[in-house]
């Protein structure tokens, strides 16, 4: 049986046409997107915090150069620069990277007698993390003064819904004894960007 002859020009034209219908550039259609051009639309799925790109991004955030971070995790500078441009609003100031990360995060915390895990902005996630750290200190010491800075406060998800922080001491002890792993090692980060 004779092998079918491929028409590469026709295949390439079809690929470019399909990409144009989806609103993608010609470089994405070719399979070689430029820095900042996504190869696929944002799906809202979670980003792996242990990926090479995320660990290199963390290294850059702590003052390393892009070249050093990319070399440390054995990837090209171009790939790291594209990831940086795609996922953050990074700029160079005085020879150092200033990274503004607007991706959504998920972080579990106690609210109204239960554990909630909403998608939040970085600022709201930081507030929830500070609250959970205070809860952890309270549970280990029994000193309720750790909870006082959070009276009347809470966190707001990306849809505007507010979650009040749980401050009842007995409820916090009950929630701690339910065997739910609440205080995670890391945030869960979404590919979606906060508007």
Foldseek 3Di string as FASTA:
>chain_A
DDDDDDDVVVVLVVLCVVCVVVVADSCLSVVHDAQQGDVDDFDFDWDDCPDLLNVLVVVLCVPDDLCVSCVVSVHDSRVSRSVQNNAWDWDDDPNGIDTHGQWWWWAWADFPLAIDTATATPVLNVVRLQQVVLLVVCVVPVDLVSNVVQVPHFGAHLVGDTTRHDRPPVSSVVRVPPPDPHGDPDITTTSDGRD
